[in-house]
N, C-alpha and C. Protein backbone atom coordinates (compact mmCIF):
# COMPACT_ATOMS: atom_id res chain seq x y z
N MET A 1 -93.01 -7.07 1.63
CA MET A 1 -92.60 -7.98 2.19
C MET A 1 -91.31 -8.14 3.23
N ILE A 2 -90.57 -6.80 3.94
CA ILE A 2 -89.91 -6.73 5.16
C ILE A 2 -91.25 -6.75 6.20
N ARG A 3 -92.44 -6.64 6.11
CA ARG A 3 -92.83 -6.93 7.72
C ARG A 3 -92.44 -8.53 8.12
N ILE A 4 -92.71 -9.27 7.26
CA ILE A 4 -92.03 -10.77 7.73
C ILE A 4 -91.07 -10.93 8.37
N PHE A 5 -90.12 -10.20 7.71
CA PHE A 5 -88.85 -10.76 8.78
C PHE A 5 -89.00 -10.10 9.98
N SER A 6 -89.39 -9.78 10.59
CA SER A 6 -89.90 -8.89 11.85
C SER A 6 -90.42 -10.46 13.15
N LEU A 7 -91.74 -10.63 12.01
CA LEU A 7 -91.52 -11.99 12.84
C LEU A 7 -91.38 -13.05 13.12
N TRP A 8 -89.91 -13.60 12.15
CA TRP A 8 -89.12 -14.59 12.17
C TRP A 8 -88.18 -14.13 13.20
N THR A 9 -88.11 -13.12 13.24
CA THR A 9 -86.61 -12.61 14.94
C THR A 9 -87.13 -11.58 16.07
N ILE A 10 -88.33 -10.59 16.09
CA ILE A 10 -88.40 -10.29 17.29
C ILE A 10 -89.69 -11.04 17.98
N ASP A 11 -89.48 -11.51 19.36
CA ASP A 11 -90.51 -11.89 20.30
C ASP A 11 -91.87 -11.31 20.65
N GLY A 12 -93.02 -12.12 19.53
CA GLY A 12 -94.54 -10.77 20.07
C GLY A 12 -93.99 -10.24 19.40
N ALA A 13 -93.57 -9.50 17.79
CA ALA A 13 -93.88 -8.80 16.52
C ALA A 13 -94.69 -9.61 15.90
N GLN A 14 -95.67 -8.33 15.41
CA GLN A 14 -97.22 -8.13 14.68
C GLN A 14 -96.81 -7.60 13.29
N TYR A 15 -97.40 -8.09 12.81
CA TYR A 15 -97.75 -6.57 11.52
C TYR A 15 -97.52 -4.99 11.81
N PHE A 16 -97.35 -4.33 11.56
CA PHE A 16 -97.90 -3.01 12.27
C PHE A 16 -98.79 -2.63 10.29
N ASP A 17 -99.53 -1.66 10.82
CA ASP A 17 -100.63 -1.55 10.31
C ASP A 17 -100.27 -0.70 8.35
N ASP A 18 -99.65 -1.33 7.08
CA ASP A 18 -99.57 0.04 6.66
C ASP A 18 -101.03 0.67 5.87
N ASP A 19 -101.72 0.67 6.23
CA ASP A 19 -102.82 1.47 5.77
C ASP A 19 -103.29 2.95 6.96
N ASP A 20 -102.56 2.59 8.05
CA ASP A 20 -102.02 4.20 8.94
C ASP A 20 -101.17 4.76 8.32
N ASP A 21 -101.35 6.23 8.23
CA ASP A 21 -100.39 6.81 8.12
C ASP A 21 -99.74 6.85 9.00
N ARG A 22 -100.09 6.93 10.33
CA ARG A 22 -99.18 7.85 11.42
C ARG A 22 -97.55 6.60 11.63
N TRP A 23 -97.47 5.35 10.89
CA TRP A 23 -96.75 4.82 10.52
C TRP A 23 -95.90 5.16 9.54
N GLU A 24 -94.40 4.86 9.79
CA GLU A 24 -93.28 6.02 9.49
C GLU A 24 -91.82 4.51 9.21
N VAL A 25 -91.46 4.32 7.78
CA VAL A 25 -90.63 3.23 8.28
C VAL A 25 -89.62 3.57 7.45
N TYR A 26 -87.81 3.07 8.50
CA TYR A 26 -86.83 3.58 7.38
C TYR A 26 -85.94 2.02 7.01
N LEU A 27 -85.85 2.92 6.31
CA LEU A 27 -84.50 1.55 5.34
C LEU A 27 -83.56 1.75 5.41
N LEU A 28 -82.54 0.93 5.66
CA LEU A 28 -80.83 0.93 5.36
C LEU A 28 -79.94 -0.33 3.97
N PHE A 29 -79.66 0.58 3.60
CA PHE A 29 -79.02 0.14 2.53
C PHE A 29 -77.76 -0.17 2.56
N GLU A 30 -76.98 -0.80 2.05
CA GLU A 30 -75.92 -1.27 1.58
C GLU A 30 -75.16 -1.40 0.36
N ARG A 31 -73.91 0.28 0.32
CA ARG A 31 -73.99 0.97 -0.86
C ARG A 31 -72.64 -0.46 -2.09
N ASP A 32 -72.42 -1.36 -3.43
CA ASP A 32 -71.69 -2.07 -3.52
C ASP A 32 -70.89 -1.13 -4.18
N ASP A 33 -69.84 -0.27 -4.20
CA ASP A 33 -69.74 -0.34 -5.29
C ASP A 33 -68.48 -0.71 -6.35
N ARG A 34 -68.26 -1.02 -6.60
CA ARG A 34 -66.91 -2.51 -7.57
C ARG A 34 -68.44 -2.68 -8.44
N VAL A 35 -67.07 -3.22 -9.67
CA VAL A 35 -68.51 -4.00 -11.00
C VAL A 35 -68.51 -5.37 -10.79
N HIS A 36 -69.44 -5.16 -11.18
CA HIS A 36 -70.22 -6.79 -11.08
C HIS A 36 -70.16 -7.23 -12.67
N HIS A 37 -70.62 -8.56 -13.01
CA HIS A 37 -70.14 -8.62 -13.76
C HIS A 37 -71.24 -8.45 -15.34
N ASP A 38 -72.25 -8.41 -14.41
CA ASP A 38 -72.52 -7.96 -15.64
C ASP A 38 -72.87 -5.86 -16.31
N GLY A 39 -71.62 -5.28 -16.06
CA GLY A 39 -70.58 -3.95 -15.85
C GLY A 39 -71.41 -2.52 -15.56
N SER A 40 -73.00 -3.19 -14.10
CA SER A 40 -73.30 -2.36 -13.45
C SER A 40 -71.83 -2.02 -11.84
N ARG A 41 -72.66 -0.20 -11.52
CA ARG A 41 -72.27 0.12 -10.53
C ARG A 41 -73.36 0.19 -9.38
N SER A 42 -72.51 0.36 -8.25
CA SER A 42 -73.44 0.71 -7.17
C SER A 42 -74.51 -0.54 -6.42
N LYS A 43 -74.01 -1.01 -6.53
CA LYS A 43 -75.56 -2.79 -6.15
C LYS A 43 -75.67 -2.02 -4.96
N TYR A 44 -77.39 -2.45 -4.08
CA TYR A 44 -77.47 -1.80 -3.05
C TYR A 44 -78.97 -2.80 -2.36
N THR A 45 -78.08 -3.23 -1.46
CA THR A 45 -78.80 -4.57 -0.66
C THR A 45 -79.27 -4.27 1.13
N SER A 46 -80.13 -4.40 1.32
CA SER A 46 -81.10 -4.62 2.51
C SER A 46 -80.48 -4.28 3.44
N VAL A 47 -80.46 -3.64 4.51
CA VAL A 47 -79.24 -4.87 5.48
C VAL A 47 -80.34 -4.60 6.79
N GLY A 48 -81.71 -4.02 6.90
CA GLY A 48 -82.18 -3.20 8.43
C GLY A 48 -83.27 -2.66 7.28
N TYR A 49 -84.21 -2.17 8.62
CA TYR A 49 -85.03 -1.44 8.50
C TYR A 49 -85.45 -0.89 10.12
N CYS A 50 -86.64 -0.35 10.57
CA CYS A 50 -86.65 0.15 12.19
C CYS A 50 -88.23 1.09 11.18
N THR A 51 -89.16 0.19 12.12
CA THR A 51 -90.39 1.10 12.10
C THR A 51 -90.96 1.64 13.11
N VAL A 52 -92.03 3.41 12.98
CA VAL A 52 -91.70 4.21 13.63
C VAL A 52 -93.78 4.43 13.67
N TYR A 53 -93.43 5.51 14.74
CA TYR A 53 -95.58 5.77 15.04
C TYR A 53 -95.67 7.32 15.75
N ARG A 54 -96.53 7.64 15.37
CA ARG A 54 -96.96 8.77 15.44
C ARG A 54 -98.06 9.31 16.29
N PHE A 55 -97.33 10.28 17.48
CA PHE A 55 -98.55 10.24 19.10
C PHE A 55 -98.84 11.22 18.95
N PHE A 56 -99.70 11.76 19.10
CA PHE A 56 -99.94 13.15 18.77
C PHE A 56 -99.85 13.43 20.78
N ALA A 57 -98.94 14.82 20.44
CA ALA A 57 -98.37 15.39 21.76
C ALA A 57 -99.07 16.72 22.30
N PRO A 58 -99.39 16.52 23.46
CA PRO A 58 -99.87 17.75 23.12
C PRO A 58 -99.56 19.49 24.06
N PRO A 59 -99.38 21.08 23.27
CA PRO A 59 -101.18 21.00 21.99
C PRO A 59 -101.22 20.91 20.57
N GLN A 60 -99.36 20.53 19.80
CA GLN A 60 -99.16 20.96 18.85
C GLN A 60 -97.70 19.98 18.07
N HIS A 61 -97.57 18.75 18.86
CA HIS A 61 -96.16 18.53 18.70
C HIS A 61 -96.21 16.90 19.12
N ILE A 62 -95.63 16.36 18.61
CA ILE A 62 -95.75 14.92 18.56
C ILE A 62 -94.81 13.81 19.30
N ARG A 63 -94.80 12.50 19.29
CA ARG A 63 -93.59 12.39 19.79
C ARG A 63 -93.78 10.27 18.94
N LEU A 64 -92.14 10.73 18.08
CA LEU A 64 -92.02 9.40 17.42
C LEU A 64 -91.22 8.17 18.36
N ARG A 65 -92.33 6.68 18.31
CA ARG A 65 -92.33 5.90 19.33
C ARG A 65 -91.39 4.64 17.78
N ILE A 66 -90.30 4.90 18.41
CA ILE A 66 -89.63 3.61 17.36
C ILE A 66 -90.10 2.51 18.16
N SER A 67 -90.39 0.87 17.69
CA SER A 67 -90.96 0.24 18.18
C SER A 67 -91.42 -0.93 17.33
N GLN A 68 -90.19 -1.09 15.61
CA GLN A 68 -89.46 -2.03 15.09
C GLN A 68 -88.30 -1.90 15.08
N PHE A 69 -87.16 -2.13 15.43
CA PHE A 69 -86.01 -1.96 14.62
C PHE A 69 -85.12 -3.19 14.32
N LEU A 70 -84.56 -3.50 13.35
CA LEU A 70 -84.85 -4.91 12.89
C LEU A 70 -83.23 -4.88 11.73
N MET A 71 -82.05 -5.68 13.05
CA MET A 71 -80.79 -5.67 11.36
C MET A 71 -81.40 -7.32 10.84
N TYR A 72 -81.13 -7.36 9.55
CA TYR A 72 -81.06 -8.67 9.16
C TYR A 72 -79.97 -9.82 9.68
N PRO A 73 -79.50 -11.15 10.04
CA PRO A 73 -79.06 -11.75 10.62
C PRO A 73 -77.22 -11.08 10.11
N PRO A 74 -77.22 -11.28 8.80
CA PRO A 74 -75.99 -11.34 8.18
C PRO A 74 -74.98 -9.93 8.85
N TYR A 75 -75.95 -8.80 8.94
CA TYR A 75 -75.14 -7.83 8.84
C TYR A 75 -75.41 -6.73 10.36
N GLN A 76 -75.83 -8.00 11.50
CA GLN A 76 -75.87 -7.44 13.33
C GLN A 76 -74.86 -7.02 13.36
N LYS A 77 -73.87 -6.94 14.21
CA LYS A 77 -72.89 -7.50 15.41
C LYS A 77 -71.43 -6.11 15.31
N ARG A 78 -72.24 -5.59 13.45
CA ARG A 78 -71.48 -4.60 12.34
C ARG A 78 -71.63 -3.42 11.66
N GLY A 79 -71.96 -2.69 13.41
CA GLY A 79 -72.37 -1.25 13.23
C GLY A 79 -73.59 -0.52 12.63
N TYR A 80 -74.05 -1.45 11.55
CA TYR A 80 -75.57 -0.74 11.52
C TYR A 80 -76.09 0.01 12.04
N GLY A 81 -76.44 -0.81 12.88
CA GLY A 81 -77.40 -0.81 14.79
C GLY A 81 -77.44 1.14 14.36
N ARG A 82 -75.22 1.62 14.67
CA ARG A 82 -76.20 2.26 15.50
C ARG A 82 -75.90 3.73 13.91
N VAL A 83 -75.79 3.18 12.89
CA VAL A 83 -76.55 3.51 11.93
C VAL A 83 -77.57 4.17 11.92
N LEU A 84 -77.69 3.01 11.43
CA LEU A 84 -79.71 3.55 11.53
C LEU A 84 -80.22 3.84 12.48
N LEU A 85 -79.91 4.36 13.67
CA LEU A 85 -80.38 4.72 15.11
C LEU A 85 -80.29 6.49 14.74
N ASN A 86 -78.65 6.95 14.36
CA ASN A 86 -78.32 8.18 14.27
C ASN A 86 -78.92 8.78 13.07
N GLY A 87 -79.61 8.31 12.23
CA GLY A 87 -80.28 8.65 10.39
C GLY A 87 -81.63 9.01 11.34
N ILE A 88 -82.41 7.58 11.95
CA ILE A 88 -83.44 8.60 12.93
C ILE A 88 -83.42 9.16 12.92
N TYR A 89 -83.10 8.98 14.18
CA TYR A 89 -82.49 10.77 15.16
C TYR A 89 -81.86 12.29 13.66
N GLN A 90 -81.29 12.35 14.20
CA GLN A 90 -81.21 13.40 13.07
C GLN A 90 -81.70 13.09 12.05
N HIS A 91 -82.50 12.16 11.38
CA HIS A 91 -83.89 13.24 10.62
C HIS A 91 -85.27 13.93 11.61
N CYS A 92 -84.97 13.57 13.15
CA CYS A 92 -85.84 13.75 12.96
C CYS A 92 -85.21 15.24 14.28
N TYR A 93 -84.44 15.36 14.61
CA TYR A 93 -83.53 16.54 14.78
C TYR A 93 -84.01 18.17 13.46
N SER A 94 -84.36 17.86 12.82
CA SER A 94 -84.61 17.85 11.98
C SER A 94 -86.55 18.03 11.66
N ARG A 95 -87.24 18.47 12.53
CA ARG A 95 -88.27 18.93 12.59
C ARG A 95 -89.16 18.62 13.25
N PRO A 96 -89.03 20.07 13.50
CA PRO A 96 -89.68 20.81 14.99
C PRO A 96 -90.66 20.45 16.03
N GLU A 97 -91.44 19.47 14.81
CA GLU A 97 -92.65 18.88 15.10
C GLU A 97 -92.76 17.81 16.62
N ILE A 98 -91.69 17.99 16.53
CA ILE A 98 -90.76 15.98 17.19
C ILE A 98 -90.33 16.79 18.08
N THR A 99 -90.86 16.03 19.85
CA THR A 99 -90.95 16.89 21.19
C THR A 99 -90.31 15.42 21.07
N GLU A 100 -89.73 14.47 21.19
CA GLU A 100 -89.55 13.12 21.94
C GLU A 100 -88.99 11.40 21.66
N VAL A 101 -88.42 11.00 20.92
CA VAL A 101 -88.42 9.71 20.59
C VAL A 101 -88.02 8.19 21.29
N PRO A 102 -89.52 8.34 22.26
CA PRO A 102 -89.10 6.34 22.65
C PRO A 102 -89.35 5.86 22.93
N VAL A 103 -88.81 4.43 23.03
CA VAL A 103 -89.01 3.21 21.86
C VAL A 103 -90.01 2.27 23.01
N GLU A 104 -90.72 1.58 21.86
CA GLU A 104 -91.50 0.65 22.45
C GLU A 104 -90.90 -1.03 22.77
N ASP A 105 -90.49 -0.59 24.89
CA ASP A 105 -90.65 -1.98 24.98
C ASP A 105 -88.79 -2.66 24.57
N PRO A 106 -88.17 -2.11 24.86
CA PRO A 106 -87.26 -2.54 23.73
C PRO A 106 -85.96 -3.83 24.58
N SER A 107 -85.34 -4.63 24.10
CA SER A 107 -85.09 -5.42 24.18
C SER A 107 -83.44 -5.51 24.45
N PRO A 108 -83.31 -6.57 25.71
CA PRO A 108 -81.68 -6.04 26.24
C PRO A 108 -80.69 -4.75 25.33
N GLN A 109 -80.87 -6.32 24.25
CA GLN A 109 -79.31 -5.70 22.41
C GLN A 109 -79.88 -4.32 22.42
N PHE A 110 -81.19 -4.43 22.43
CA PHE A 110 -81.51 -2.90 21.81
C PHE A 110 -81.06 -1.26 22.86
N GLN A 111 -81.54 -2.14 23.87
CA GLN A 111 -81.29 -0.47 25.74
C GLN A 111 -79.48 -0.73 24.83
N ARG A 112 -78.59 -1.43 25.10
CA ARG A 112 -77.87 -1.20 24.78
C ARG A 112 -76.75 -0.65 24.17
N LEU A 113 -77.27 -1.10 22.84
CA LEU A 113 -77.47 -0.44 21.23
C LEU A 113 -77.93 1.16 21.83
N ARG A 114 -79.15 1.49 22.48
CA ARG A 114 -79.23 3.08 22.29
C ARG A 114 -78.51 3.82 23.75
N ASP A 115 -78.13 2.62 24.73
CA ASP A 115 -77.58 3.66 25.36
C ASP A 115 -76.54 3.97 24.98
N MET A 116 -75.77 3.03 24.17
CA MET A 116 -74.39 4.09 23.75
C MET A 116 -74.43 4.90 22.24
N VAL A 117 -75.25 5.59 21.72
CA VAL A 117 -75.88 5.69 21.02
C VAL A 117 -75.86 7.25 21.52
N ASP A 118 -77.42 7.17 22.76
CA ASP A 118 -77.37 8.21 22.55
C ASP A 118 -76.12 8.33 24.01
N LEU A 119 -75.08 7.78 24.44
CA LEU A 119 -74.34 8.68 25.76
C LEU A 119 -72.95 8.64 24.72
N LEU A 120 -72.54 8.28 23.36
CA LEU A 120 -72.04 9.65 22.54
C LEU A 120 -72.44 11.00 21.77
N ASN A 121 -73.07 10.52 21.85
CA ASN A 121 -74.27 11.65 21.29
C ASN A 121 -74.22 12.61 22.32
N ILE A 122 -74.36 12.42 23.86
CA ILE A 122 -74.15 13.43 25.11
C ILE A 122 -73.80 14.05 25.60
N TYR A 123 -72.44 12.79 25.13
CA TYR A 123 -70.89 13.59 25.20
C TYR A 123 -70.12 13.84 23.85
N SER A 124 -70.75 13.90 22.90
CA SER A 124 -70.46 15.08 21.81
C SER A 124 -71.06 16.85 22.00
N ASP A 125 -71.62 16.76 22.17
CA ASP A 125 -71.85 17.52 22.53
C ASP A 125 -71.27 18.60 24.28
N GLY A 126 -70.67 17.27 24.79
CA GLY A 126 -70.41 18.14 25.77
C GLY A 126 -71.08 18.21 27.26
N SER A 127 -71.94 17.86 26.87
CA SER A 127 -73.64 17.58 28.19
C SER A 127 -72.92 17.26 29.69
N PHE A 128 -72.84 16.14 29.45
CA PHE A 128 -71.82 14.73 30.49
C PHE A 128 -70.28 15.22 30.78
N THR A 129 -69.84 16.44 31.78
CA THR A 129 -68.03 16.39 31.95
C THR A 129 -67.76 15.49 33.08
N PRO A 130 -66.32 14.96 33.03
CA PRO A 130 -66.11 13.84 33.78
C PRO A 130 -66.32 15.08 35.67
N ASP A 131 -65.84 15.25 36.05
CA ASP A 131 -66.13 16.50 36.71
C ASP A 131 -67.84 15.84 37.69
N MET A 132 -68.75 15.88 36.87
CA MET A 132 -70.13 15.20 37.14
C MET A 132 -70.20 14.00 37.43
N VAL A 133 -70.73 13.79 38.76
CA VAL A 133 -70.74 12.36 39.10
C VAL A 133 -71.60 12.19 40.83
N SER A 134 -72.17 13.62 40.69
CA SER A 134 -73.35 13.81 42.09
C SER A 134 -74.16 13.25 41.91
N ASP A 135 -75.38 13.21 43.05
CA ASP A 135 -76.65 12.32 43.19
C ASP A 135 -77.41 12.23 41.68
N THR A 136 -77.75 14.24 41.23
CA THR A 136 -78.04 14.63 40.14
C THR A 136 -78.27 15.13 39.51
N ILE A 137 -79.11 15.69 37.83
CA ILE A 137 -78.34 15.98 37.03
C ILE A 137 -78.37 17.73 37.21
N PRO A 138 -77.71 18.07 36.70
CA PRO A 138 -78.58 19.88 37.19
C PRO A 138 -79.53 20.57 36.24
N ALA A 139 -80.26 21.51 36.72
CA ALA A 139 -81.42 20.15 35.98
C ALA A 139 -80.94 21.32 33.68
N GLN A 140 -80.21 22.64 34.05
CA GLN A 140 -80.33 22.98 32.75
C GLN A 140 -79.89 22.04 32.26
N VAL A 141 -78.62 21.46 32.32
CA VAL A 141 -78.44 20.27 31.69
C VAL A 141 -79.01 19.00 31.60
N MET A 142 -80.35 18.49 31.67
CA MET A 142 -81.51 17.60 31.91
C MET A 142 -82.13 18.69 30.91
N ASP A 143 -81.91 19.85 31.04
CA ASP A 143 -82.97 20.23 29.86
C ASP A 143 -82.45 20.80 28.71
N ALA A 144 -81.21 20.78 28.44
CA ALA A 144 -80.90 21.36 27.32
C ALA A 144 -80.71 20.36 26.13
N ILE A 145 -80.61 18.54 26.75
CA ILE A 145 -79.85 17.55 26.28
C ILE A 145 -81.41 17.17 25.61
N GLN A 146 -82.62 17.34 26.66
CA GLN A 146 -83.86 17.21 25.98
C GLN A 146 -84.40 17.17 24.47
N ARG A 147 -83.93 19.23 24.90
CA ARG A 147 -84.40 20.31 23.62
C ARG A 147 -83.71 19.45 22.27
N LYS A 148 -82.10 19.38 22.02
CA LYS A 148 -81.32 18.80 21.51
C LYS A 148 -81.27 17.71 21.02
N ARG A 149 -81.64 16.70 22.20
CA ARG A 149 -81.84 15.14 22.10
C ARG A 149 -82.69 14.18 21.79
N LYS A 150 -84.13 15.19 21.77
CA LYS A 150 -85.60 14.91 21.93
C LYS A 150 -85.55 13.22 23.24
N LEU A 151 -84.68 13.43 23.58
CA LEU A 151 -84.67 11.73 24.40
C LEU A 151 -85.87 12.31 25.47
N TRP A 152 -86.64 11.01 26.23
CA TRP A 152 -86.58 10.89 27.60
C TRP A 152 -86.23 10.86 28.19
N ARG A 153 -86.58 11.68 29.63
CA ARG A 153 -86.31 12.14 30.48
C ARG A 153 -85.26 10.15 31.47
N GLY A 154 -86.31 9.50 31.34
CA GLY A 154 -86.08 8.86 31.71
C GLY A 154 -84.67 8.52 31.33
N GLN A 155 -84.20 8.44 30.08
CA GLN A 155 -83.41 8.00 29.19
C GLN A 155 -82.09 8.57 29.98
N ILE A 156 -81.96 9.36 29.71
CA ILE A 156 -80.80 10.77 29.98
C ILE A 156 -80.60 10.72 31.12
N ARG A 157 -81.50 9.97 32.42
CA ARG A 157 -81.33 9.40 33.70
C ARG A 157 -80.80 8.07 33.65
N ARG A 158 -80.35 7.24 32.81
CA ARG A 158 -79.58 6.39 32.84
C ARG A 158 -79.16 6.09 32.07
N CYS A 159 -78.63 6.90 31.43
CA CYS A 159 -77.20 8.16 30.18
C CYS A 159 -76.41 8.20 31.66
N TYR A 160 -77.11 8.34 32.03
CA TYR A 160 -75.79 9.24 33.58
C TYR A 160 -75.94 8.55 34.37
N GLU A 161 -76.81 7.34 34.88
CA GLU A 161 -75.87 6.47 35.65
C GLU A 161 -74.76 5.95 35.25
N ILE A 162 -74.23 5.85 33.96
CA ILE A 162 -73.53 5.51 32.53
C ILE A 162 -72.31 5.93 32.46
N HIS A 163 -73.01 7.20 32.46
CA HIS A 163 -70.72 8.24 32.81
C HIS A 163 -70.96 7.73 33.95
N ARG A 164 -71.37 7.80 35.41
CA ARG A 164 -71.77 7.77 36.47
C ARG A 164 -70.32 6.76 37.14
N LEU A 165 -70.86 5.65 36.71
CA LEU A 165 -69.84 4.80 37.05
C LEU A 165 -68.51 5.21 35.85
N ARG A 166 -68.33 5.63 35.28
CA ARG A 166 -67.18 5.43 34.46
C ARG A 166 -66.27 5.94 35.19
N PHE A 167 -66.86 7.61 36.19
CA PHE A 167 -65.84 8.58 36.95
C PHE A 167 -65.52 8.24 37.24
N THR A 168 -66.53 6.58 38.21
CA THR A 168 -66.64 6.33 39.58
C THR A 168 -64.94 5.77 39.77
N PRO A 169 -64.00 5.94 40.41
CA PRO A 169 -62.81 5.37 40.85
C PRO A 169 -63.83 3.98 42.02
N VAL A 170 -63.01 2.85 41.34
CA VAL A 170 -64.01 1.14 42.19
C VAL A 170 -62.33 1.30 43.15
N ASP A 171 -61.72 1.79 43.04
CA ASP A 171 -60.50 1.95 44.65
C ASP A 171 -60.66 2.88 45.68
N ASP A 172 -61.47 3.73 44.85
CA ASP A 172 -62.55 4.88 46.06
C ASP A 172 -63.24 3.95 46.60
N ILE A 173 -63.25 3.27 47.57
CA ILE A 173 -64.49 2.70 48.90
C ILE A 173 -65.54 3.68 48.92
N GLU A 174 -65.35 4.25 49.55
CA GLU A 174 -65.98 5.16 49.76
C GLU A 174 -67.22 5.70 48.70
N ALA A 175 -66.32 5.87 47.71
CA ALA A 175 -67.48 6.40 46.54
C ALA A 175 -68.15 6.23 45.82
N PHE A 176 -67.16 4.72 45.32
CA PHE A 176 -68.22 3.41 44.68
C PHE A 176 -69.75 3.16 44.89
N THR A 177 -69.36 3.15 46.66
CA THR A 177 -70.40 2.44 48.01
C THR A 177 -71.44 3.34 47.51
N ASN A 178 -70.91 4.93 47.59
CA ASN A 178 -72.16 6.25 47.53
C ASN A 178 -72.50 5.47 46.35
N TYR A 179 -72.17 5.13 44.97
CA TYR A 179 -72.79 4.88 43.85
C TYR A 179 -73.74 3.92 44.00
N ARG A 180 -72.98 2.47 44.37
CA ARG A 180 -74.48 1.59 44.77
C ARG A 180 -76.17 2.19 45.12
N LEU A 181 -75.05 3.16 46.20
CA LEU A 181 -76.48 2.63 46.99
C LEU A 181 -76.93 4.03 46.77
N TRP A 182 -77.02 4.89 45.43
CA TRP A 182 -77.33 5.31 44.16
C TRP A 182 -77.99 4.71 43.53
N ILE A 183 -78.37 3.22 43.08
CA ILE A 183 -78.56 3.29 42.18
C ILE A 183 -79.53 2.13 42.73
N LYS A 184 -79.10 1.29 44.17
CA LYS A 184 -80.22 0.67 45.35
C LYS A 184 -81.55 2.31 45.64
N LYS A 185 -81.16 2.79 45.28
CA LYS A 185 -82.22 4.07 45.90
C LYS A 185 -82.68 3.69 44.41
N ARG A 186 -83.42 4.42 43.84
CA ARG A 186 -83.40 3.94 42.39
C ARG A 186 -83.40 2.62 41.99
N ILE A 187 -83.55 2.12 41.83
CA ILE A 187 -83.88 0.22 41.75
C ILE A 187 -85.20 0.52 42.69
N PHE A 188 -85.58 0.71 43.81
CA PHE A 188 -86.27 0.58 45.09
C PHE A 188 -87.89 1.60 44.86
N LYS A 189 -87.49 2.61 43.84
CA LYS A 189 -88.22 3.58 44.77
C LYS A 189 -88.82 2.27 42.49
N GLU A 190 -89.74 2.36 41.93
CA GLU A 190 -89.43 2.15 40.52
C GLU A 190 -89.96 0.53 40.77
N VAL A 191 -90.07 -0.66 41.73
CA VAL A 191 -90.55 -1.65 42.14
C VAL A 191 -91.67 -0.54 43.54
N ALA A 192 -91.03 0.04 44.50
CA ALA A 192 -92.34 0.15 45.43
C ALA A 192 -93.23 0.59 43.86
N SER A 193 -92.63 1.64 43.09
CA SER A 193 -94.75 1.42 42.15
C SER A 193 -95.08 1.09 41.72
N LEU A 194 -94.53 0.31 40.98
CA LEU A 194 -94.83 -1.82 40.02
C LEU A 194 -95.38 -1.86 41.37
N VAL A 195 -95.50 -2.43 42.58
CA VAL A 195 -95.98 -3.27 43.47
C VAL A 195 -97.22 -2.32 43.67
N CYS A 196 -97.19 -0.82 44.37
CA CYS A 196 -97.69 -0.12 44.20
C CYS A 196 -99.72 -0.25 43.26
N ALA A 197 -99.03 -0.06 41.76
CA ALA A 197 -99.61 -0.45 40.97
C ALA A 197 -100.47 -1.74 39.84
N ARG A 198 -99.98 -2.22 40.87
CA ARG A 198 -99.88 -3.85 41.62
C ARG A 198 -101.88 -4.27 41.95
N HIS A 199 -101.25 -3.65 43.20
CA HIS A 199 -101.70 -3.84 44.04
C HIS A 199 -103.47 -2.88 44.41
N LEU A 200 -103.22 -1.95 43.33
CA LEU A 200 -104.40 -1.12 43.47
C LEU A 200 -104.84 -1.70 41.86
N GLU A 201 -104.46 -2.22 41.42
CA GLU A 201 -104.52 -3.40 39.70
C GLU A 201 -106.80 -4.37 40.65
N VAL A 202 -105.70 -4.78 41.17
CA VAL A 202 -106.34 -5.91 41.96
C VAL A 202 -107.35 -5.87 43.00
N LEU A 203 -107.61 -4.98 43.47
CA LEU A 203 -108.31 -4.45 44.29
C LEU A 203 -109.68 -3.75 42.96
N ASN A 204 -109.08 -3.42 41.81
CA ASN A 204 -110.91 -2.33 41.19
C ASN A 204 -111.27 -3.71 40.37
N GLY A 205 -110.04 -4.78 40.75
CA GLY A 205 -110.83 -6.09 39.60
C GLY A 205 -111.92 -6.73 41.22
N CYS A 206 -111.50 -6.90 41.94
CA CYS A 206 -112.06 -6.81 43.20
C CYS A 206 -113.76 -6.46 43.23
């Protein structure tokens, strides 16, 4: 029954195939310990869910890709999304066969949530420090974050961009200009890659 909510609230959402055992579903409930009119306690209310899909990652690992992530409207913007995402992460950390937790086509709202959760987790590990404001992430830092937090390297770099912005003084014209140029260089590289890929598609279609 929960599958229908995604059709109402997520653009382009489709039913996941519950006959495919590679799908996993994580549910989040709110527990109410007040005494209710019928004398019962600990009433549970569903507040959201997430679907993930297991992909084979050679030679003997899997990538657990987040597909649909939904908090029901009355429970949005109340911190439940952070709780659910961290819960999924904690479960993945306990499964050594999982090497990475990517996300399928994240919406802007989910990307903001993901950025916040990932960056706070990285800070809790002490991996990013205020003096880290260079153009590159040390290889040993990148590898350590990827092993522990099972993040895609592109997501780690995104978190580093946010971290560097936080510790780049706005009133330091030279430092802030260098930061902007660094970001532009990354964007131009990505756009050039997309344009080249598009040209190849057109040529192959001829």
